[in-house]
């Protein structure tokens, strides 16, 4: 089976998981829980759509059932956030909710738009180093967008644990992936100049 099968299935059932948590902890009147369901649940469904419309080749690799279950277990760490919100009945102020939504929307835009740009470029201009569009602002703008998405979720939990999960992913998953990507792109002669001109992760900062 391909890695994408386990990733997509987990993303797809996130909506159901959050609804289940809301039911178990009787959070039907909690606006924060509903907004979180809309944010994270919809993100999972959009991910499945993205996987079908403009898939990422790195998730097309085959893996064993055990490794697939390992992926599932790792992704389930993100479910700590909705569990915290529902089990503790967390309700944030309207302005705080709006702030999380702004960060989330901006993150979704960066993540999905950059992935679409990469898909189109690789399909119609194979062998070309992508340095324009969103890639002109960050060499890993898709990861930055994903960071904003999960950061917006963590904000709603009002707890340090979701931020620790994000930090863990930065160190164990995103960091190594970025490092491998940088090494792969270094084969292009123009990469050295691109690297000097464009930041690694956060536009204009880092």
Protein backbone atom coordinates (compact mmCIF):
# COMPACT_ATOMS: atom_id res chain seq x y z
CA UNK A 1 0.00 0.00 0.00
CA UNK A 2 1.07 3.57 -0.61
CA UNK A 3 1.83 5.99 2.19
CA UNK A 4 -0.90 8.28 0.88
CA UNK A 5 -3.54 5.65 1.74
CA UNK A 6 -2.77 5.94 5.45
CA UNK A 7 -2.32 9.72 5.38
CA UNK A 8 -5.49 10.37 3.38
CA UNK A 9 -7.60 8.00 5.45
CA UNK A 10 -6.47 9.66 8.67
CA UNK A 11 -7.13 13.14 7.32
CA UNK A 12 -10.51 12.02 6.03
CA UNK A 13 -11.79 10.66 9.35
CA UNK A 14 -10.61 13.66 11.39
CA UNK A 15 -14.01 15.30 10.87
CA UNK A 16 -15.71 12.22 12.32
CA UNK A 17 -13.27 12.07 15.24
CA UNK A 18 -13.96 15.67 16.24
CA UNK A 19 -17.72 15.15 15.98
CA UNK A 20 -17.37 12.07 18.17
CA UNK A 21 -15.45 14.06 20.79
CA UNK A 22 -18.15 16.74 20.72
CA UNK A 23 -20.80 14.07 21.29
CA UNK A 24 -18.93 12.30 24.09
CA UNK A 25 -18.31 15.53 25.99
CA UNK A 26 -21.65 17.18 25.09
CA UNK A 27 -20.10 20.19 23.37
CA UNK A 28 -22.93 20.97 20.94
CA UNK A 29 -23.28 24.46 22.40
CA UNK A 30 -19.57 25.25 22.30
CA UNK A 31 -18.82 27.72 19.47
CA UNK A 32 -15.07 27.09 19.79
CA UNK A 33 -15.58 23.37 19.22
CA UNK A 34 -17.79 24.04 16.18
CA UNK A 35 -15.27 26.43 14.64
CA UNK A 36 -12.50 23.93 15.29
CA UNK A 37 -14.57 21.24 13.57
CA UNK A 38 -14.99 23.52 10.55
CA UNK A 39 -11.26 24.33 10.46
CA UNK A 40 -9.62 20.97 11.07
CA UNK A 41 -12.41 18.80 9.69
CA UNK A 42 -12.57 20.73 6.43
CA UNK A 43 -8.78 20.76 6.18
CA UNK A 44 -8.78 16.96 6.27
CA UNK A 45 -11.42 16.72 3.56
CA UNK A 46 -9.55 19.27 1.40
CA UNK A 47 -6.38 17.23 1.86
CA UNK A 48 -8.11 14.15 0.44
CA UNK A 49 -9.31 16.23 -2.53
CA UNK A 50 -5.81 17.63 -3.02
CA UNK A 51 -4.37 14.12 -2.96
CA UNK A 52 -6.63 13.16 -5.84
CA UNK A 53 -6.40 16.36 -7.92
CA UNK A 54 -2.75 17.37 -7.51
CA UNK A 55 -1.00 14.62 -5.51
CA UNK A 56 2.44 14.94 -3.94
CA UNK A 57 4.83 12.34 -5.35
CA UNK A 58 6.58 11.79 -2.03
CA UNK A 59 3.43 10.16 -0.62
CA UNK A 60 3.12 7.81 -3.59
CA UNK A 61 5.84 5.54 -2.16
CA UNK A 62 4.78 2.08 -1.03
CA UNK A 63 5.10 1.05 2.59
CA UNK A 64 4.33 -1.88 4.85
CA UNK A 65 1.20 -2.14 6.96
CA UNK A 66 3.25 -1.57 10.10
CA UNK A 67 4.84 1.59 8.75
CA UNK A 68 1.42 2.77 7.65
CA UNK A 69 0.08 2.24 11.17
CA UNK A 70 3.10 4.15 12.46
CA UNK A 71 2.07 7.06 10.21
CA UNK A 72 -1.48 6.84 11.57
CA UNK A 73 -0.22 6.89 15.15
CA UNK A 74 2.01 9.89 14.46
CA UNK A 75 -0.78 11.87 12.81
CA UNK A 76 -3.09 11.05 15.71
CA UNK A 77 -0.98 13.33 17.90
CA UNK A 78 -2.80 16.18 16.16
CA UNK A 79 -6.05 14.86 17.65
CA UNK A 80 -4.86 15.91 21.09
CA UNK A 81 -6.03 19.45 20.30
CA UNK A 82 -9.72 18.66 19.67
CA UNK A 83 -9.69 16.32 22.66
CA UNK A 84 -8.45 19.14 24.88
CA UNK A 85 -11.03 21.58 23.51
CA UNK A 86 -13.97 19.20 23.94
CA UNK A 87 -12.97 17.41 27.14
CA UNK A 88 -12.24 20.68 28.93
CA UNK A 89 -15.06 22.65 27.34
CA UNK A 90 -12.65 25.36 26.22
CA UNK A 91 -14.38 28.52 24.99
CA UNK A 92 -12.25 31.38 23.70
CA UNK A 93 -13.18 35.04 23.20
CA UNK A 94 -14.60 36.09 19.79
CA UNK A 95 -11.51 38.18 18.94
CA UNK A 96 -9.26 35.21 19.77
CA UNK A 97 -11.39 32.94 17.60
CA UNK A 98 -11.13 35.45 14.74
CA UNK A 99 -7.33 35.59 15.14
CA UNK A 100 -7.07 31.80 14.87
CA UNK A 101 -9.28 31.86 11.78
CA UNK A 102 -7.13 34.53 10.08
CA UNK A 103 -3.97 32.48 10.70
CA UNK A 104 -5.71 29.32 9.50
CA UNK A 105 -7.02 30.87 6.27
CA UNK A 106 -3.65 32.39 5.47
CA UNK A 107 -1.98 29.03 6.15
CA UNK A 108 -4.42 27.13 3.91
CA UNK A 109 -3.80 29.62 1.10
CA UNK A 110 -0.02 29.25 1.32
CA UNK A 111 -0.06 25.48 1.74
CA UNK A 112 -2.48 24.52 -1.02
CA UNK A 113 -1.55 27.23 -3.50
CA UNK A 114 2.17 26.41 -3.29
CA UNK A 115 1.48 22.68 -3.63
CA UNK A 116 -0.62 23.38 -6.73
CA UNK A 117 2.13 25.60 -8.14
CA UNK A 118 4.69 22.84 -7.56
CA UNK A 119 2.43 20.22 -9.17
CA UNK A 120 1.83 22.33 -12.29
CA UNK A 121 5.47 23.35 -12.64
CA UNK A 122 6.75 19.77 -12.32
CA UNK A 123 4.12 18.52 -14.76
CA UNK A 124 4.67 21.08 -17.52
CA UNK A 125 8.23 22.22 -16.83
CA UNK A 126 10.04 19.13 -15.51
CA UNK A 127 13.65 19.61 -14.55
CA UNK A 128 13.20 23.30 -13.73
CA UNK A 129 14.09 24.84 -10.37
CA UNK A 130 10.95 26.63 -9.14
CA UNK A 131 11.93 30.10 -7.92
CA UNK A 132 8.93 32.25 -8.84
CA UNK A 133 5.40 32.66 -7.52
CA UNK A 134 5.11 31.75 -3.85
CA UNK A 135 8.51 30.07 -4.01
CA UNK A 136 10.02 33.55 -4.40
CA UNK A 137 9.07 34.29 -0.78
CA UNK A 138 10.17 31.09 0.94
CA UNK A 139 11.97 27.98 -0.24
CA UNK A 140 9.54 25.90 1.81
CA UNK A 141 6.40 28.00 1.73
CA UNK A 142 4.17 24.90 1.80
CA UNK A 143 5.63 23.81 5.13
CA UNK A 144 5.25 27.33 6.48
CA UNK A 145 1.58 27.28 5.46
CA UNK A 146 1.11 23.94 7.21
CA UNK A 147 2.85 25.37 10.29
CA UNK A 148 0.33 28.23 10.36
CA UNK A 149 -2.58 25.81 9.98
CA UNK A 150 -1.59 23.64 12.92
CA UNK A 151 -0.54 26.70 14.88
CA UNK A 152 -4.07 28.09 14.54
CA UNK A 153 -5.47 24.81 15.90
CA UNK A 154 -3.06 24.91 18.84
CA UNK A 155 -4.15 28.44 19.72
CA UNK A 156 -7.72 27.28 20.24
CA UNK A 157 -6.66 24.63 22.76
CA UNK A 158 -5.06 27.30 24.99
CA UNK A 159 -2.56 24.66 26.10
CA UNK A 160 1.15 24.04 25.62
CA UNK A 161 0.79 20.39 24.54
CA UNK A 162 -0.37 21.05 20.93
CA UNK A 163 2.55 23.44 20.48
CA UNK A 164 4.89 20.71 21.75
CA UNK A 165 3.43 18.36 19.11
CA UNK A 166 4.14 20.95 16.41
CA UNK A 167 7.70 21.35 17.70
CA UNK A 168 8.10 17.56 17.60
CA UNK A 169 6.96 17.48 13.99
CA UNK A 170 9.32 20.31 13.11
CA UNK A 171 12.25 18.34 14.51
CA UNK A 172 11.33 14.82 13.40
CA UNK A 173 9.33 15.26 10.18
CA UNK A 174 9.37 18.71 8.57
CA UNK A 175 13.02 19.46 9.40
CA UNK A 176 14.45 16.26 7.86
CA UNK A 177 12.12 16.59 4.84
CA UNK A 178 13.29 20.16 4.27
CA UNK A 179 16.91 19.07 4.62
CA UNK A 180 16.46 16.30 2.03
CA UNK A 181 14.69 18.73 -0.30
CA UNK A 182 17.51 21.29 0.02
CA UNK A 183 20.08 18.60 -0.75
CA UNK A 184 18.11 17.50 -3.81
CA UNK A 185 17.70 21.06 -5.13
CA UNK A 186 21.41 21.77 -4.69
CA UNK A 187 22.01 19.89 -7.95
CA UNK A 188 20.71 22.92 -9.85
CA UNK A 189 23.44 25.46 -10.68
CA UNK A 190 21.13 28.38 -9.88
CA UNK A 191 20.21 27.03 -6.44
CA UNK A 192 23.14 28.75 -4.68
CA UNK A 193 21.92 32.19 -5.79
CA UNK A 194 18.30 31.29 -4.99
CA UNK A 195 19.32 30.14 -1.52
CA UNK A 196 21.03 33.46 -0.82
CA UNK A 197 18.06 35.47 -2.04
CA UNK A 198 15.11 33.57 -0.53
CA UNK A 199 14.63 32.54 3.11
CA UNK A 200 14.36 28.88 4.12
CA UNK A 201 11.02 28.88 5.95
CA UNK A 202 9.43 32.15 7.07
CA UNK A 203 9.30 34.81 4.31
CA UNK A 204 11.77 37.66 4.85
CA UNK A 205 12.73 36.36 8.32
CA UNK A 206 14.18 32.83 8.42
